[in-house]
Amino acid sequence: MFARRIFRSNFLHADGATADERGALAAAGVSSPMSQNYLAWRRALLWFGAVSLGFVLIAGLDTRFEGFDAPENPGILKFVVVCLFLAEIGACALAVMAALRWTKVASTRSLARFAWLCLFAVPFLLFFVPVGPFIDSELYQPQQKLMMTAGIGLVYVLTLAPKLLGLFPALIRSSLTLKTLLPESPMPGWIAVVMAPLYALFIAILLVVAAQTEQIMLIISVSALAIAPALIATNAGRLIQPCTEEEAMANIAFVRGKTLFANAIGIGAGVVFAFDLLTDKNIEIDAMDVLLFFMSFTATFLLLTVVTSDLLVGLFKSAFDRDTAMREAGLADGLDRRFNDLETLGLTQLRAGERELLSSIRKRIGGRDGDGPGAPPPPPPPAGGG
């Protein structure tokens, strides 16, 4: 049931709160069916995120402290490893507490945010501490010390990468879900439309790396994963319009169907590529490391989806209140005049005149070929008309 909620995020039909959940929420003072469905959806994400974090902690114990006591490792690295481990334990504990207190809105929201901060803010602050001053200069030459610090920095970046990579899909997932919760509002759709191209460009950068590997499966995987968010931007009209609940569900289902097909191709090609790497005798890759990376990304994505959803609900309400206050204060007419002035310049159009530019180029090319305005007039028709 929780997996179906996460996958479909359908608040109107079978994926809403159960009778037992509605009873627990009613006892906690939550009587709105819409609010009950939202909290039940959050509950599923929190539990899956907490379980994923717990799996990463337990399954990764064997390799986490491997080489911990090596004399060449500076003490600062040992300190960072211990702090990261404690931060993940704290994030897992906070996520479990947030899932257990899912009926207490203020408590579960705060716990979810603190869990995310443990996963991201703690490593981010720790990685700001330079390692160089803690490296014994008597053991390493300056060039060796530089290479060592650069390698440590690369490890830090790879550690933060899955946490940052989950930001874009979490925001997109949150906004699409909230569009079904707030179908009359265009703001959730705008968040998805704005974030989707940025996410697609981010993945497109990885496509450059994939192309250099000359691995067909990897290229197909990254290309499909980049196309998926781009499809959201191409269907902006379906997402930003105010509509009824049924229309919102139909529009979201249409857009998700397209993105799901692209993501399925990307994930399938990625699995084939990973399987080829695991079975290649010339490349040493541990399957457990791949699984731990996937589970870590899943936990981060789910927790961040909860946190961003809670944050976006507050931002949407604040924006709605400010828009209402603007109209009541009579400022809407002035804003309308300013937009009209910009509209006369064509600056309010989402397209930047691509069709006009291409048409102008075709005319110029046609003129050079003898078909445009600069060409000589055509010969007169033959006598008798033809």
Protein backbone atom coordinates (compact mmCIF):
# COMPACT_ATOMS: atom_id res chain seq x y z
CA MET A 1 0.00 0.00 0.00
CA PHE A 2 2.81 2.42 0.88
CA ALA A 3 4.67 1.58 -2.33
CA ARG A 4 1.54 2.22 -4.39
CA ARG A 5 1.09 5.59 -2.71
CA ILE A 6 4.67 6.59 -3.49
CA PHE A 7 4.47 5.38 -7.06
CA ARG A 8 1.06 6.77 -8.04
CA SER A 9 0.51 9.65 -5.56
CA ASN A 10 -3.22 9.56 -6.27
CA PHE A 11 -5.10 11.48 -3.59
CA LEU A 12 -8.55 11.08 -5.11
CA HIS A 13 -9.01 7.36 -5.41
CA ALA A 14 -7.65 4.14 -3.91
CA ASP A 15 -4.38 5.58 -2.63
CA GLY A 16 -5.91 7.86 -0.02
CA ALA A 17 -5.97 7.28 3.71
CA THR A 18 -7.49 4.06 5.00
CA ALA A 19 -10.33 3.92 7.49
CA ASP A 20 -7.94 3.22 10.36
CA GLU A 21 -5.70 6.12 9.33
CA ARG A 22 -8.65 8.47 9.09
CA GLY A 23 -9.70 7.44 12.58
CA ALA A 24 -6.22 8.11 13.98
CA LEU A 25 -6.05 11.47 12.23
CA ALA A 26 -9.54 12.45 13.38
CA ALA A 27 -8.48 11.68 16.96
CA ALA A 28 -5.47 13.98 16.41
CA GLY A 29 -7.74 16.81 15.23
CA VAL A 30 -7.31 16.38 11.45
CA SER A 31 -10.80 16.15 9.97
CA SER A 32 -10.34 17.27 6.35
CA PRO A 33 -10.26 14.26 3.96
CA MET A 34 -7.78 16.09 1.72
CA SER A 35 -5.44 16.74 4.63
CA GLN A 36 -5.80 13.15 5.78
CA ASN A 37 -4.81 11.87 2.33
CA TYR A 38 -1.77 14.16 2.29
CA LEU A 39 -0.56 13.02 5.70
CA ALA A 40 -1.08 9.37 4.77
CA TRP A 41 1.03 9.94 1.65
CA ARG A 42 3.76 11.55 3.77
CA ARG A 43 3.66 8.57 6.11
CA ALA A 44 4.51 6.19 3.26
CA LEU A 45 7.47 8.30 2.12
CA LEU A 46 8.82 8.65 5.64
CA TRP A 47 8.71 4.92 6.35
CA PHE A 48 10.37 3.99 3.06
CA GLY A 49 13.02 6.64 3.61
CA ALA A 50 13.71 5.47 7.15
CA VAL A 51 13.94 1.81 6.10
CA SER A 52 16.30 2.70 3.24
CA LEU A 53 18.54 4.63 5.62
CA GLY A 54 18.55 1.76 8.07
CA PHE A 55 19.55 -0.67 5.34
CA VAL A 56 22.44 1.59 4.27
CA LEU A 57 23.66 1.83 7.87
CA ILE A 58 23.55 -1.91 8.59
CA ALA A 59 24.76 -3.22 5.22
CA GLY A 60 27.57 -0.67 5.00
CA LEU A 61 29.15 -1.38 8.38
CA ASP A 62 31.70 -3.75 6.87
CA THR A 63 33.22 -1.18 4.53
CA ARG A 64 32.52 2.07 6.36
CA PHE A 65 35.49 1.79 8.73
CA GLU A 66 37.75 -0.18 6.39
CA GLY A 67 41.29 1.17 6.75
CA PHE A 68 40.16 3.42 9.57
CA ASP A 69 43.26 2.76 11.70
CA ALA A 70 45.75 3.17 8.85
CA PRO A 71 48.65 5.34 10.13
CA GLU A 72 48.83 7.37 6.92
CA ASN A 73 45.27 8.66 7.38
CA PRO A 74 45.19 12.03 9.17
CA GLY A 75 43.10 12.34 12.28
CA ILE A 76 40.71 14.77 10.61
CA LEU A 77 39.57 12.06 8.21
CA LYS A 78 38.80 9.71 11.09
CA PHE A 79 36.84 12.49 12.74
CA VAL A 80 34.85 13.10 9.53
CA VAL A 81 34.07 9.39 9.10
CA VAL A 82 32.78 9.11 12.67
CA CYS A 83 30.69 12.30 12.36
CA LEU A 84 29.14 11.15 9.08
CA PHE A 85 28.22 7.82 10.63
CA LEU A 86 26.62 9.54 13.63
CA ALA A 87 24.77 11.95 11.32
CA GLU A 88 23.27 9.05 9.34
CA ILE A 89 22.24 7.34 12.57
CA GLY A 90 20.60 10.56 13.70
CA ALA A 91 18.84 11.01 10.34
CA CYS A 92 17.51 7.45 10.46
CA ALA A 93 16.28 7.88 14.05
CA LEU A 94 14.61 11.20 13.22
CA ALA A 95 12.96 9.73 10.13
CA VAL A 96 11.56 6.85 12.18
CA MET A 97 10.26 9.29 14.79
CA ALA A 98 8.67 11.43 12.07
CA ALA A 99 6.96 8.34 10.65
CA LEU A 100 5.73 7.25 14.08
CA ARG A 101 4.36 10.74 14.84
CA TRP A 102 2.79 11.16 11.41
CA THR A 103 -0.53 12.28 12.88
CA LYS A 104 1.10 15.18 14.79
CA VAL A 105 1.65 17.70 12.04
CA ALA A 106 4.02 20.15 13.73
CA SER A 107 6.16 17.38 15.21
CA THR A 108 6.45 15.25 12.06
CA ARG A 109 7.32 18.29 9.90
CA SER A 110 10.14 19.37 12.22
CA LEU A 111 11.53 15.86 12.57
CA ALA A 112 11.57 15.34 8.79
CA ARG A 113 13.46 18.60 8.27
CA PHE A 114 16.03 17.75 10.93
CA ALA A 115 16.51 14.32 9.34
CA TRP A 116 17.30 15.95 6.00
CA LEU A 117 19.65 18.44 7.68
CA CYS A 118 21.57 15.55 9.22
CA LEU A 119 21.98 13.99 5.79
CA PHE A 120 23.06 17.13 3.97
CA ALA A 121 24.01 20.02 6.27
CA VAL A 122 26.30 17.99 8.54
CA PRO A 123 28.44 16.55 5.69
CA PHE A 124 28.46 19.91 3.93
CA LEU A 125 29.83 21.69 7.00
CA LEU A 126 32.34 18.94 7.74
CA PHE A 127 33.68 18.99 4.20
CA PHE A 128 34.44 22.69 4.48
CA VAL A 129 37.24 21.92 6.96
CA PRO A 130 40.55 21.80 5.01
CA VAL A 131 42.49 18.56 5.38
CA GLY A 132 45.89 19.93 4.36
CA PRO A 133 46.90 21.45 7.73
CA PHE A 134 46.33 18.08 9.42
CA ILE A 135 48.60 16.12 7.07
CA ASP A 136 52.07 15.42 8.40
CA SER A 137 54.50 17.27 6.10
CA GLU A 138 57.33 14.96 7.11
CA LEU A 139 55.57 11.94 5.59
CA TYR A 140 54.53 13.55 2.30
CA GLN A 141 56.22 15.80 -0.21
CA PRO A 142 54.33 18.98 -1.27
CA GLN A 143 53.28 17.38 -4.56
CA GLN A 144 52.07 14.23 -2.79
CA LYS A 145 50.20 16.34 -0.26
CA LEU A 146 48.48 18.26 -3.05
CA MET A 147 47.42 15.04 -4.79
CA MET A 148 46.14 13.61 -1.52
CA THR A 149 44.01 16.66 -0.68
CA ALA A 150 42.65 16.74 -4.24
CA GLY A 151 41.67 13.06 -3.95
CA ILE A 152 39.95 13.69 -0.62
CA GLY A 153 38.07 16.60 -2.14
CA LEU A 154 36.88 14.36 -4.97
CA VAL A 155 35.64 11.80 -2.45
CA TYR A 156 33.76 14.58 -0.64
CA VAL A 157 32.11 15.69 -3.88
CA LEU A 158 31.05 12.12 -4.71
CA THR A 159 29.61 11.81 -1.21
CA LEU A 160 27.45 14.90 -1.63
CA ALA A 161 26.51 14.12 -5.25
CA PRO A 162 23.57 11.76 -4.57
CA LYS A 163 22.19 14.20 -2.00
CA LEU A 164 22.29 17.09 -4.47
CA LEU A 165 21.13 14.92 -7.38
CA GLY A 166 17.95 14.09 -5.48
CA LEU A 167 17.02 17.78 -5.13
CA PHE A 168 15.67 18.24 -8.67
CA PRO A 169 13.49 15.10 -8.91
CA ALA A 170 12.23 15.69 -5.38
CA LEU A 171 11.04 19.20 -6.25
CA ILE A 172 9.46 17.99 -9.48
CA ARG A 173 7.77 15.05 -7.75
CA SER A 174 6.53 17.29 -4.94
CA SER A 175 5.07 19.88 -7.31
CA LEU A 176 3.30 17.29 -9.47
CA THR A 177 1.84 15.66 -6.38
CA LEU A 178 0.72 18.98 -4.93
CA LYS A 179 -0.98 19.83 -8.23
CA THR A 180 -3.38 16.96 -7.53
CA LEU A 181 -3.81 18.30 -3.99
CA LEU A 182 -4.33 21.92 -5.10
CA PRO A 183 -5.75 21.61 -8.63
CA GLU A 184 -7.12 25.17 -8.69
CA SER A 185 -3.65 26.66 -8.17
CA PRO A 186 -1.24 27.11 -11.11
CA MET A 187 1.78 27.46 -8.79
CA PRO A 188 2.60 23.73 -8.33
CA GLY A 189 2.67 23.29 -12.08
CA TRP A 190 4.96 26.28 -12.50
CA ILE A 191 7.49 24.78 -10.07
CA ALA A 192 7.62 21.58 -12.12
CA VAL A 193 7.85 23.47 -15.41
CA VAL A 194 10.72 25.66 -14.15
CA MET A 195 12.70 22.89 -12.45
CA ALA A 196 12.33 20.27 -15.20
CA PRO A 197 14.56 22.01 -17.81
CA LEU A 198 17.24 22.65 -15.18
CA TYR A 199 17.20 18.98 -14.22
CA ALA A 200 17.36 17.97 -17.89
CA LEU A 201 20.39 20.22 -18.45
CA PHE A 202 22.08 18.79 -15.38
CA ILE A 203 21.68 15.26 -16.74
CA ALA A 204 22.73 16.43 -20.20
CA ILE A 205 26.10 17.39 -18.71
CA LEU A 206 26.47 13.78 -17.58
CA LEU A 207 25.63 12.76 -21.14
CA VAL A 208 28.90 14.39 -22.25
CA VAL A 209 30.77 12.06 -19.89
CA ALA A 210 28.73 9.07 -21.05
CA ALA A 211 29.51 9.83 -24.68
CA GLN A 212 33.23 9.73 -24.00
CA THR A 213 32.93 6.24 -22.52
CA GLU A 214 31.56 4.94 -25.84
CA GLN A 215 29.19 2.68 -23.90
CA ILE A 216 25.91 2.46 -25.81
CA MET A 217 23.81 1.36 -22.83
CA LEU A 218 25.13 4.18 -20.68
CA ILE A 219 24.46 6.73 -23.42
CA ILE A 220 20.90 5.43 -23.88
CA SER A 221 20.32 5.47 -20.12
CA VAL A 222 21.50 9.04 -19.58
CA SER A 223 19.72 10.28 -22.73
CA ALA A 224 16.39 8.80 -21.65
CA LEU A 225 16.77 10.17 -18.13
CA ALA A 226 17.42 13.63 -19.61
CA ILE A 227 14.42 13.40 -21.94
CA ALA A 228 12.05 12.52 -19.07
CA PRO A 229 12.11 15.96 -17.33
CA ALA A 230 12.18 17.70 -20.71
CA LEU A 231 8.80 16.10 -21.45
CA ILE A 232 7.38 17.92 -18.43
CA ALA A 233 8.42 21.28 -19.86
CA THR A 234 6.89 20.45 -23.25
CA ASN A 235 3.53 19.78 -21.54
CA ALA A 236 3.54 22.97 -19.50
CA GLY A 237 0.04 23.93 -20.67
CA ARG A 238 -1.48 20.92 -18.93
CA LEU A 239 0.23 21.67 -15.62
CA ILE A 240 -0.09 25.43 -15.11
CA GLN A 241 -3.80 25.84 -15.85
CA PRO A 242 -6.31 25.99 -12.95
CA CYS A 243 -8.64 23.02 -13.20
CA THR A 244 -10.91 20.64 -11.33
CA GLU A 245 -9.69 17.60 -9.41
CA GLU A 246 -10.62 15.21 -12.20
CA GLU A 247 -8.91 17.38 -14.83
CA ALA A 248 -5.80 17.67 -12.67
CA MET A 249 -5.57 13.90 -12.24
CA ALA A 250 -6.02 13.37 -15.99
CA ASN A 251 -3.33 15.93 -16.85
CA ILE A 252 -0.89 14.59 -14.27
CA ALA A 253 -1.51 11.01 -15.41
CA PHE A 254 -0.84 12.04 -19.02
CA VAL A 255 2.44 13.80 -18.16
CA ARG A 256 3.58 11.08 -15.77
CA GLY A 257 2.85 8.42 -18.35
CA LYS A 258 5.28 10.04 -20.78
CA THR A 259 7.98 10.60 -18.17
CA LEU A 260 7.52 7.10 -16.78
CA PHE A 261 8.14 5.58 -20.21
CA ALA A 262 11.35 7.60 -20.64
CA ASN A 263 12.52 6.85 -17.10
CA ALA A 264 11.81 3.14 -17.57
CA ILE A 265 14.03 3.10 -20.66
CA GLY A 266 16.75 5.00 -18.79
CA ILE A 267 16.65 2.78 -15.72
CA GLY A 268 16.50 -0.40 -17.81
CA ALA A 269 19.52 0.62 -19.88
CA GLY A 270 21.32 1.64 -16.70
CA VAL A 271 20.68 -1.76 -15.14
CA VAL A 272 22.06 -3.50 -18.24
CA PHE A 273 25.14 -1.27 -18.14
CA ALA A 274 25.67 -1.93 -14.41
CA PHE A 275 25.26 -5.68 -14.94
CA ASP A 276 27.90 -5.60 -17.68
CA LEU A 277 30.29 -3.80 -15.33
CA LEU A 278 29.66 -6.27 -12.51
CA THR A 279 30.28 -9.24 -14.78
CA ASP A 280 33.39 -7.75 -16.42
CA LYS A 281 36.43 -9.54 -15.01
CA ASN A 282 38.70 -6.60 -15.82
CA ILE A 283 36.70 -4.18 -13.66
CA GLU A 284 36.39 -4.67 -9.91
CA ILE A 285 33.04 -3.31 -8.72
CA ASP A 286 31.23 -4.59 -5.67
CA ALA A 287 27.52 -5.19 -6.20
CA MET A 288 26.88 -4.19 -2.59
CA ASP A 289 28.44 -0.78 -3.20
CA VAL A 290 26.09 -0.23 -6.13
CA LEU A 291 23.10 -1.28 -4.03
CA LEU A 292 24.14 0.98 -1.15
CA PHE A 293 24.47 3.95 -3.51
CA PHE A 294 20.99 3.28 -4.90
CA MET A 295 19.45 2.91 -1.44
CA SER A 296 21.21 6.06 -0.22
CA PHE A 297 19.84 8.01 -3.18
CA THR A 298 16.35 6.56 -2.58
CA ALA A 299 16.37 7.55 1.09
CA THR A 300 17.57 11.06 0.29
CA PHE A 301 15.01 11.46 -2.50
CA LEU A 302 12.08 10.32 -0.35
CA LEU A 303 12.99 12.46 2.66
CA LEU A 304 13.62 15.49 0.48
CA THR A 305 10.28 14.96 -1.27
CA VAL A 306 8.54 15.15 2.10
CA VAL A 307 10.49 18.23 3.19
CA THR A 308 10.00 20.10 -0.09
CA SER A 309 6.28 19.22 -0.18
CA ASP A 310 5.78 20.66 3.29
CA LEU A 311 7.75 23.76 2.32
CA LEU A 312 5.95 24.28 -0.98
CA VAL A 313 2.53 24.06 0.68
CA GLY A 314 3.52 26.95 2.93
CA LEU A 315 4.97 28.96 0.03
CA PHE A 316 1.87 28.44 -2.10
CA LYS A 317 -0.41 29.60 0.70
CA SER A 318 1.77 32.66 1.31
CA ALA A 319 1.78 33.53 -2.40
CA PHE A 320 -2.02 33.11 -2.57
CA ASP A 321 -2.53 35.39 0.44
CA ARG A 322 -0.22 38.05 -1.03
CA ASP A 323 -2.00 37.87 -4.38
CA THR A 324 -5.35 38.29 -2.66
CA ALA A 325 -4.03 41.24 -0.64
CA MET A 326 -2.66 42.83 -3.83
CA ARG A 327 -6.03 42.64 -5.54
CA GLU A 328 -7.88 43.98 -2.50
CA ALA A 329 -5.46 46.91 -2.29
CA GLY A 330 -6.11 47.85 -5.92
CA LEU A 331 -2.57 47.10 -7.06
CA ALA A 332 -3.65 44.52 -9.63
CA ASP A 333 -4.62 47.22 -12.16
CA GLY A 334 -1.16 48.75 -12.00
CA LEU A 335 0.48 45.36 -12.43
CA ASP A 336 -1.81 44.63 -15.37
CA ARG A 337 -0.69 47.86 -17.10
CA ARG A 338 2.97 46.95 -16.60
CA PHE A 339 2.42 43.51 -18.08
CA ASN A 340 0.59 45.04 -21.03
CA ASP A 341 3.55 47.33 -21.70
CA LEU A 342 5.86 44.31 -21.66
CA GLU A 343 3.44 42.34 -23.81
CA THR A 344 3.66 44.92 -26.59
CA LEU A 345 7.37 44.11 -26.78
CA GLY A 346 6.71 40.37 -26.86
CA LEU A 347 8.56 39.84 -23.57
CA THR A 348 5.66 38.06 -21.89
CA GLN A 349 5.58 35.27 -24.45
CA LEU A 350 7.19 32.02 -23.38
CA ARG A 351 8.76 31.63 -26.80
CA ALA A 352 11.48 34.07 -27.76
CA GLY A 353 10.53 34.43 -31.42
CA GLU A 354 12.13 31.23 -32.66
CA ARG A 355 9.57 30.80 -35.46
CA GLU A 356 10.03 34.38 -36.66
CA LEU A 357 13.82 33.97 -36.63
CA LEU A 358 13.68 30.72 -38.61
CA SER A 359 11.22 32.26 -41.07
CA SER A 360 13.53 35.22 -41.59
CA ILE A 361 16.48 32.90 -42.18
CA ARG A 362 14.50 30.87 -44.72
CA LYS A 363 13.54 34.04 -46.56
CA ARG A 364 17.14 35.17 -46.72
CA ILE A 365 18.30 31.78 -47.96
CA GLY A 366 15.48 31.70 -50.46
CA GLY A 367 16.44 35.16 -51.72
CA ARG A 368 19.96 33.98 -52.41
CA ASP A 369 18.66 30.90 -54.21
CA GLY A 370 16.37 32.94 -56.42
CA ASP A 371 13.11 32.38 -54.50
CA GLY A 372 13.13 35.34 -52.12
CA PRO A 373 12.30 39.04 -52.41
CA GLY A 374 15.73 39.82 -53.89
CA ALA A 375 15.31 37.41 -56.81
CA PRO A 376 14.40 38.52 -60.36
CA PRO A 377 10.69 38.36 -61.25
CA PRO A 378 9.46 35.09 -62.73
CA PRO A 379 8.98 34.91 -66.50
CA PRO A 380 5.55 35.82 -67.85
CA PRO A 381 3.08 32.97 -68.45
CA PRO A 382 2.78 31.64 -71.97
CA ALA A 383 0.24 33.15 -74.33
CA GLY A 384 -3.25 31.88 -73.85
CA GLY A 385 -2.84 31.45 -70.09
CA GLY A 386 -1.65 28.22 -68.67
